[in-house]
Amino acid sequence: MDENKKDDMVEETADRTEESVETQEDVMDAEYEQVAEDGCEQEMAQEQPETGEEAEESKLKGFFGKKKKDKKDQQIEELTDRVQRQMAEFDNFRKRSEKEKAAMYEVGAKSVIEKILPTIDNFERGFAALTEEQKADPFADGMDKVYRQMMTTLESIGVKPIEAVGKEFDPNFHNAVMHVEDEEAGENIIVEEFQKGYLYRDSVVRHSMVKVAN
């Protein structure tokens, strides 16, 4: 091969190499421009205001993605809740204790009154057995004043006798120990009282023992 052909082949190879390099540079430039355009479009999309659905998604992401509460805040909330629960329990305990105390007072008062009633009964039986002359005696008059004072004291604390004679029989207040047919009396009417009954603040201490007609 002569020198001229060698030179021609070298020049041809150099030209092809140069063309290949230029082509590769053009491709790289085009890819770079495309990447730059894509980046600009993404930035513009991020700058655009969110639609309703997108805003809702952002809120949800913010809700579920927010950080946990601080330990101190969490401890404060737990202690506050515990104190509120204890205060509620104490208030319930206080109310329950007051009701129990009131109930115990009622039971105790009724028990004392029930023990006093036989003394009242004896006073009334004694006065019923006295004649008019005996009632005028100073001693009988003194006993009557003592009796009236006792009844006034009982009345002041809420004790009062149950009405019986002439009233309709009521099993809540009366205890029927006898039954009689009486045309002059109405049906189920009390005609006689054997033992007086008493109430304490609308609660029965002792039922009246009565005779009921018809």
C-alpha atoms as a PDB file:
ATOM      1  CA  MET A   1       0.000   0.000   0.000  1.00  0.00           C
ATOM      2  CA  ASP A   2       1.468   3.371  -1.004  1.00  0.00           C
ATOM      3  CA  GLU A   3       1.761   6.377   1.210  1.00  0.00           C
ATOM      4  CA  ASN A   4      -1.081   8.274  -0.482  1.00  0.00           C
ATOM      5  CA  LYS A   5      -3.684   5.577   0.278  1.00  0.00           C
ATOM      6  CA  LYS A   6      -2.572   5.381   3.906  1.00  0.00           C
ATOM      7  CA  ASP A   7      -2.994   9.112   4.282  1.00  0.00           C
ATOM      8  CA  ASP A   8      -6.438   8.957   2.702  1.00  0.00           C
ATOM      9  CA  MET A   9      -7.575   6.180   5.075  1.00  0.00           C
ATOM     10  CA  VAL A  10      -6.264   8.066   8.152  1.00  0.00           C
ATOM     11  CA  GLU A  11      -8.081  11.218   7.089  1.00  0.00           C
ATOM     12  CA  GLU A  12     -11.310   9.257   6.491  1.00  0.00           C
ATOM     13  CA  THR A  13     -11.123   7.577   9.921  1.00  0.00           C
ATOM     14  CA  ALA A  14     -10.468  10.919  11.593  1.00  0.00           C
ATOM     15  CA  ASP A  15     -13.453  12.467   9.841  1.00  0.00           C
ATOM     16  CA  ARG A  16     -15.755   9.594  10.956  1.00  0.00           C
ATOM     17  CA  THR A  17     -14.487   9.871  14.532  1.00  0.00           C
ATOM     18  CA  GLU A  18     -15.109  13.609  14.580  1.00  0.00           C
ATOM     19  CA  GLU A  19     -18.646  13.136  13.210  1.00  0.00           C
ATOM     20  CA  SER A  20     -19.379  10.481  15.868  1.00  0.00           C
ATOM     21  CA  VAL A  21     -18.171  12.777  18.634  1.00  0.00           C
ATOM     22  CA  GLU A  22     -20.294  15.632  17.361  1.00  0.00           C
ATOM     23  CA  THR A  23     -23.361  13.359  17.158  1.00  0.00           C
ATOM     24  CA  GLN A  24     -22.810  12.147  20.727  1.00  0.00           C
ATOM     25  CA  GLU A  25     -22.480  15.745  21.955  1.00  0.00           C
ATOM     26  CA  ASP A  26     -25.740  16.671  20.236  1.00  0.00           C
ATOM     27  CA  VAL A  27     -27.530  13.767  21.944  1.00  0.00           C
ATOM     28  CA  MET A  28     -26.157  14.750  25.360  1.00  0.00           C
ATOM     29  CA  ASP A  29     -27.165  18.381  24.816  1.00  0.00           C
ATOM     30  CA  ALA A  30     -30.706  17.282  23.913  1.00  0.00           C
ATOM     31  CA  GLU A  31     -30.980  15.065  26.990  1.00  0.00           C
ATOM     32  CA  TYR A  32     -29.715  17.874  29.216  1.00  0.00           C
ATOM     33  CA  GLU A  33     -32.267  20.280  27.780  1.00  0.00           C
ATOM     34  CA  GLN A  34     -35.045  17.720  28.377  1.00  0.00           C
ATOM     35  CA  VAL A  35     -33.974  17.205  31.968  1.00  0.00           C
ATOM     36  CA  ALA A  36     -33.886  20.964  32.510  1.00  0.00           C
ATOM     37  CA  GLU A  37     -37.401  21.331  31.052  1.00  0.00           C
ATOM     38  CA  ASP A  38     -38.745  18.528  33.275  1.00  0.00           C
ATOM     39  CA  GLY A  39     -37.225  20.160  36.355  1.00  0.00           C
ATOM     40  CA  CYS A  40     -38.836  23.507  35.508  1.00  0.00           C
ATOM     41  CA  GLU A  41     -42.221  21.859  35.002  1.00  0.00           C
ATOM     42  CA  GLN A  42     -41.990  20.128  38.420  1.00  0.00           C
ATOM     43  CA  GLU A  43     -41.089  23.390  40.132  1.00  0.00           C
ATOM     44  CA  MET A  44     -43.997  25.158  38.441  1.00  0.00           C
ATOM     45  CA  ALA A  45     -46.342  22.349  39.480  1.00  0.00           C
ATOM     46  CA  GLN A  46     -45.212  22.665  43.099  1.00  0.00           C
ATOM     47  CA  GLU A  47     -45.759  26.420  43.025  1.00  0.00           C
ATOM     48  CA  GLN A  48     -49.337  26.023  41.722  1.00  0.00           C
ATOM     49  CA  PRO A  49     -52.116  26.183  44.381  1.00  0.00           C
ATOM     50  CA  GLU A  50     -53.490  22.821  45.514  1.00  0.00           C
ATOM     51  CA  THR A  51     -56.943  21.731  44.470  1.00  0.00           C
ATOM     52  CA  GLY A  52     -59.611  20.664  46.999  1.00  0.00           C
ATOM     53  CA  GLU A  53     -58.643  17.000  46.911  1.00  0.00           C
ATOM     54  CA  GLU A  54     -54.930  17.793  47.043  1.00  0.00           C
ATOM     55  CA  ALA A  55     -55.443  20.128  50.000  1.00  0.00           C
ATOM     56  CA  GLU A  56     -57.452  17.432  51.808  1.00  0.00           C
ATOM     57  CA  GLU A  57     -54.663  14.917  51.194  1.00  0.00           C
ATOM     58  CA  SER A  58     -52.143  17.396  52.560  1.00  0.00           C
ATOM     59  CA  LYS A  59     -54.224  17.868  55.696  1.00  0.00           C
ATOM     60  CA  LEU A  60     -54.482  14.124  56.211  1.00  0.00           C
ATOM     61  CA  LYS A  61     -50.760  13.713  55.688  1.00  0.00           C
ATOM     62  CA  GLY A  62     -50.148  16.528  58.164  1.00  0.00           C
ATOM     63  CA  PHE A  63     -52.542  14.942  60.689  1.00  0.00           C
ATOM     64  CA  PHE A  64     -51.091  11.456  60.527  1.00  0.00           C
ATOM     65  CA  GLY A  65     -47.563  12.658  60.079  1.00  0.00           C
ATOM     66  CA  LYS A  66     -47.428  15.143  62.951  1.00  0.00           C
ATOM     67  CA  LYS A  67     -44.983  14.562  65.707  1.00  0.00           C
ATOM     68  CA  LYS A  68     -45.895  12.903  68.991  1.00  0.00           C
ATOM     69  CA  LYS A  69     -46.636  15.070  71.994  1.00  0.00           C
ATOM     70  CA  ASP A  70     -43.862  16.057  74.305  1.00  0.00           C
ATOM     71  CA  LYS A  71     -43.439  13.732  77.296  1.00  0.00           C
ATOM     72  CA  LYS A  72     -44.007  16.593  79.730  1.00  0.00           C
ATOM     73  CA  ASP A  73     -47.288  17.587  78.050  1.00  0.00           C
ATOM     74  CA  GLN A  74     -48.388  13.962  78.050  1.00  0.00           C
ATOM     75  CA  GLN A  75     -47.570  13.614  81.762  1.00  0.00           C
ATOM     76  CA  ILE A  76     -49.483  16.819  82.532  1.00  0.00           C
ATOM     77  CA  GLU A  77     -52.544  15.520  80.693  1.00  0.00           C
ATOM     78  CA  GLU A  78     -52.366  12.185  82.503  1.00  0.00           C
ATOM     79  CA  LEU A  79     -52.020  13.861  85.913  1.00  0.00           C
ATOM     80  CA  THR A  80     -54.859  16.275  85.133  1.00  0.00           C
ATOM     81  CA  ASP A  81     -57.121  13.397  84.112  1.00  0.00           C
ATOM     82  CA  ARG A  82     -56.188  11.450  87.256  1.00  0.00           C
ATOM     83  CA  VAL A  83     -56.920  14.449  89.509  1.00  0.00           C
ATOM     84  CA  GLN A  84     -60.287  15.041  87.828  1.00  0.00           C
ATOM     85  CA  ARG A  85     -61.235  11.387  88.283  1.00  0.00           C
ATOM     86  CA  GLN A  86     -60.225  11.451  91.954  1.00  0.00           C
ATOM     87  CA  MET A  87     -62.217  14.651  92.527  1.00  0.00           C
ATOM     88  CA  ALA A  88     -65.291  13.057  90.919  1.00  0.00           C
ATOM     89  CA  GLU A  89     -64.876   9.929  93.047  1.00  0.00           C
ATOM     90  CA  PHE A  90     -64.474  12.029  96.200  1.00  0.00           C
ATOM     91  CA  ASP A  91     -67.601  14.041  95.358  1.00  0.00           C
ATOM     92  CA  ASN A  92     -69.586  10.828  94.868  1.00  0.00           C
ATOM     93  CA  PHE A  93     -68.204   9.469  98.144  1.00  0.00           C
ATOM     94  CA  ARG A  94     -69.174  12.670  99.957  1.00  0.00           C
ATOM     95  CA  LYS A  95     -72.743  12.578  98.607  1.00  0.00           C
ATOM     96  CA  ARG A  96     -73.066   8.890  99.423  1.00  0.00           C
ATOM     97  CA  SER A  97     -71.750   9.485 102.956  1.00  0.00           C
ATOM     98  CA  GLU A  98     -74.229  12.320 103.503  1.00  0.00           C
ATOM     99  CA  LYS A  99     -77.119  10.084 102.409  1.00  0.00           C
ATOM    100  CA  GLU A 100     -75.921   7.279 104.666  1.00  0.00           C
ATOM    101  CA  LYS A 101     -75.587   9.667 107.619  1.00  0.00           C
ATOM    102  CA  ALA A 102     -79.087  11.038 106.985  1.00  0.00           C
ATOM    103  CA  ALA A 103     -80.480   7.508 106.760  1.00  0.00           C
ATOM    104  CA  MET A 104     -78.684   6.500 109.975  1.00  0.00           C
ATOM    105  CA  TYR A 105     -80.074   9.592 111.725  1.00  0.00           C
ATOM    106  CA  GLU A 106     -83.593   8.731 110.562  1.00  0.00           C
ATOM    107  CA  VAL A 107     -83.254   5.156 111.808  1.00  0.00           C
ATOM    108  CA  GLY A 108     -81.841   6.285 115.153  1.00  0.00           C
ATOM    109  CA  ALA A 109     -84.533   8.931 115.638  1.00  0.00           C
ATOM    110  CA  LYS A 110     -87.333   6.479 114.806  1.00  0.00           C
ATOM    111  CA  SER A 111     -85.868   3.959 117.241  1.00  0.00           C
ATOM    112  CA  VAL A 112     -85.842   6.516 120.099  1.00  0.00           C
ATOM    113  CA  ILE A 113     -89.356   7.713 119.289  1.00  0.00           C
ATOM    114  CA  GLU A 114     -90.641   4.161 119.191  1.00  0.00           C
ATOM    115  CA  LYS A 115     -89.291   3.600 122.724  1.00  0.00           C
ATOM    116  CA  ILE A 116     -90.954   6.795 123.996  1.00  0.00           C
ATOM    117  CA  LEU A 117     -94.395   5.968 122.586  1.00  0.00           C
ATOM    118  CA  PRO A 118     -95.316   3.393 125.292  1.00  0.00           C
ATOM    119  CA  THR A 119     -94.858   6.160 127.887  1.00  0.00           C
ATOM    120  CA  ILE A 120     -97.213   8.382 125.893  1.00  0.00           C
ATOM    121  CA  ASP A 121     -99.707   5.493 125.740  1.00  0.00           C
ATOM    122  CA  ASN A 122     -99.608   5.109 129.550  1.00  0.00           C
ATOM    123  CA  PHE A 123    -100.262   8.813 130.061  1.00  0.00           C
ATOM    124  CA  GLU A 124    -103.289   8.642 127.776  1.00  0.00           C
ATOM    125  CA  ARG A 125    -104.652   5.465 129.432  1.00  0.00           C
ATOM    126  CA  GLY A 126    -104.239   7.040 132.860  1.00  0.00           C
ATOM    127  CA  PHE A 127    -106.075  10.218 131.852  1.00  0.00           C
ATOM    128  CA  ALA A 128    -108.845   8.170 130.215  1.00  0.00           C
ATOM    129  CA  ALA A 129    -109.453   6.324 133.513  1.00  0.00           C
ATOM    130  CA  LEU A 130    -109.801   9.533 135.593  1.00  0.00           C
ATOM    131  CA  THR A 131    -113.166  10.941 136.574  1.00  0.00           C
ATOM    132  CA  GLU A 132    -113.954  14.643 136.152  1.00  0.00           C
ATOM    133  CA  GLU A 133    -113.279  15.241 139.877  1.00  0.00           C
ATOM    134  CA  GLN A 134    -109.925  13.457 139.676  1.00  0.00           C
ATOM    135  CA  LYS A 135    -108.922  15.490 136.614  1.00  0.00           C
ATOM    136  CA  ALA A 136    -109.318  18.642 138.707  1.00  0.00           C
ATOM    137  CA  ASP A 137    -106.765  17.375 141.199  1.00  0.00           C
ATOM    138  CA  PRO A 138    -103.484  19.374 141.121  1.00  0.00           C
ATOM    139  CA  PHE A 139    -101.446  16.198 140.705  1.00  0.00           C
ATOM    140  CA  ALA A 140    -103.485  15.081 137.670  1.00  0.00           C
ATOM    141  CA  ASP A 141    -103.265  18.594 136.278  1.00  0.00           C
ATOM    142  CA  GLY A 142     -99.478  18.496 136.672  1.00  0.00           C
ATOM    143  CA  MET A 143     -99.272  15.151 134.862  1.00  0.00           C
ATOM    144  CA  ASP A 144    -101.405  16.552 132.059  1.00  0.00           C
ATOM    145  CA  LYS A 145     -98.992  19.467 131.641  1.00  0.00           C
ATOM    146  CA  VAL A 146     -96.044  17.060 131.488  1.00  0.00           C
ATOM    147  CA  TYR A 147     -97.886  15.027 128.852  1.00  0.00           C
ATOM    148  CA  ARG A 148     -98.661  18.098 126.749  1.00  0.00           C
ATOM    149  CA  GLN A 149     -95.038  19.235 126.983  1.00  0.00           C
ATOM    150  CA  MET A 150     -93.858  15.848 125.723  1.00  0.00           C
ATOM    151  CA  MET A 151     -96.304  15.958 122.811  1.00  0.00           C
ATOM    152  CA  THR A 152     -95.209  19.513 121.900  1.00  0.00           C
ATOM    153  CA  THR A 153     -91.561  18.422 121.923  1.00  0.00           C
ATOM    154  CA  LEU A 154     -92.283  15.395 119.728  1.00  0.00           C
ATOM    155  CA  GLU A 155     -94.273  17.534 117.333  1.00  0.00           C
ATOM    156  CA  SER A 156     -91.380  20.020 117.054  1.00  0.00           C
ATOM    157  CA  ILE A 157     -89.069  17.272 115.761  1.00  0.00           C
ATOM    158  CA  GLY A 158     -91.593  16.012 113.214  1.00  0.00           C
ATOM    159  CA  VAL A 159     -93.626  13.443 115.164  1.00  0.00           C
ATOM    160  CA  LYS A 160     -97.396  13.539 114.749  1.00  0.00           C
ATOM    161  CA  PRO A 161    -100.258  11.073 115.385  1.00  0.00           C
ATOM    162  CA  ILE A 162    -101.948   9.231 112.515  1.00  0.00           C
ATOM    163  CA  GLU A 163    -105.576  10.159 111.964  1.00  0.00           C
ATOM    164  CA  ALA A 164    -107.774   7.098 112.315  1.00  0.00           C
ATOM    165  CA  VAL A 165    -111.382   7.284 113.583  1.00  0.00           C
ATOM    166  CA  GLY A 166    -113.764   8.324 110.829  1.00  0.00           C
ATOM    167  CA  LYS A 167    -111.096   7.893 108.135  1.00  0.00           C
ATOM    168  CA  GLU A 168    -110.986   5.263 105.403  1.00  0.00           C
ATOM    169  CA  PHE A 169    -108.798   2.302 106.230  1.00  0.00           C
ATOM    170  CA  ASP A 170    -105.344   2.541 104.674  1.00  0.00           C
ATOM    171  CA  PRO A 171    -102.983  -0.427 105.156  1.00  0.00           C
ATOM    172  CA  ASN A 172    -100.033   1.936 104.808  1.00  0.00           C
ATOM    173  CA  PHE A 173    -100.985   3.626 108.095  1.00  0.00           C
ATOM    174  CA  HIS A 174    -103.508   1.389 109.834  1.00  0.00           C
ATOM    175  CA  ASN A 175    -103.464  -2.134 111.217  1.00  0.00           C
ATOM    176  CA  ALA A 176    -106.979  -3.650 111.312  1.00  0.00           C
ATOM    177  CA  VAL A 177    -107.345  -6.020 114.278  1.00  0.00           C
ATOM    178  CA  MET A 178    -111.163  -6.155 114.293  1.00  0.00           C
ATOM    179  CA  HIS A 179    -113.987  -5.984 111.765  1.00  0.00           C
ATOM    180  CA  VAL A 180    -117.588  -5.070 112.438  1.00  0.00           C
ATOM    181  CA  GLU A 181    -120.785  -4.643 110.424  1.00  0.00           C
ATOM    182  CA  ASP A 182    -122.251  -1.200 111.064  1.00  0.00           C
ATOM    183  CA  GLU A 183    -125.015   0.251 108.900  1.00  0.00           C
ATOM    184  CA  GLU A 184    -124.390   3.753 110.232  1.00  0.00           C
ATOM    185  CA  ALA A 185    -120.705   3.675 109.200  1.00  0.00           C
ATOM    186  CA  GLY A 186    -119.511   3.784 105.625  1.00  0.00           C
ATOM    187  CA  GLU A 187    -117.689   0.996 103.838  1.00  0.00           C
ATOM    188  CA  ASN A 188    -114.117   0.372 104.977  1.00  0.00           C
ATOM    189  CA  ILE A 189    -114.318   3.156 107.560  1.00  0.00           C
ATOM    190  CA  ILE A 190    -112.453   3.069 110.883  1.00  0.00           C
ATOM    191  CA  VAL A 191    -114.886   3.191 113.790  1.00  0.00           C
ATOM    192  CA  GLU A 192    -112.549   2.690 116.756  1.00  0.00           C
ATOM    193  CA  GLU A 193    -108.846   3.087 117.566  1.00  0.00           C
ATOM    194  CA  PHE A 194    -107.211   0.754 120.102  1.00  0.00           C
ATOM    195  CA  GLN A 195    -103.678   2.134 119.873  1.00  0.00           C
ATOM    196  CA  LYS A 196    -102.628   5.413 118.344  1.00  0.00           C
ATOM    197  CA  GLY A 197    -100.175   5.317 115.478  1.00  0.00           C
ATOM    198  CA  TYR A 198     -97.459   7.893 114.806  1.00  0.00           C
ATOM    199  CA  LEU A 199     -95.506   9.339 111.888  1.00  0.00           C
ATOM    200  CA  TYR A 200     -91.987  10.744 111.883  1.00  0.00           C
ATOM    201  CA  ARG A 201     -91.443  13.069 108.922  1.00  0.00           C
ATOM    202  CA  ASP A 202     -94.119  11.263 106.881  1.00  0.00           C
ATOM    203  CA  SER A 203     -92.552   7.896 107.730  1.00  0.00           C
ATOM    204  CA  VAL A 204     -94.560   5.454 109.835  1.00  0.00           C
ATOM    205  CA  VAL A 205     -93.080   4.800 113.261  1.00  0.00           C
ATOM    206  CA  ARG A 206     -96.019   2.741 114.434  1.00  0.00           C
ATOM    207  CA  HIS A 207     -99.257   1.739 112.687  1.00  0.00           C
ATOM    208  CA  SER A 208    -102.596   2.490 114.293  1.00  0.00           C
ATOM    209  CA  MET A 209    -104.451  -0.533 115.693  1.00  0.00           C
ATOM    210  CA  VAL A 210    -108.065  -0.047 114.614  1.00  0.00           C
ATOM    211  CA  LYS A 211    -111.526  -1.560 114.160  1.00  0.00           C
ATOM    212  CA  VAL A 212    -112.922  -1.327 110.633  1.00  0.00           C
ATOM    213  CA  ALA A 213    -116.602  -1.335 109.646  1.00  0.00           C
ATOM    214  CA  ASN A 214    -118.140  -3.074 106.636  1.00  0.00           C
END
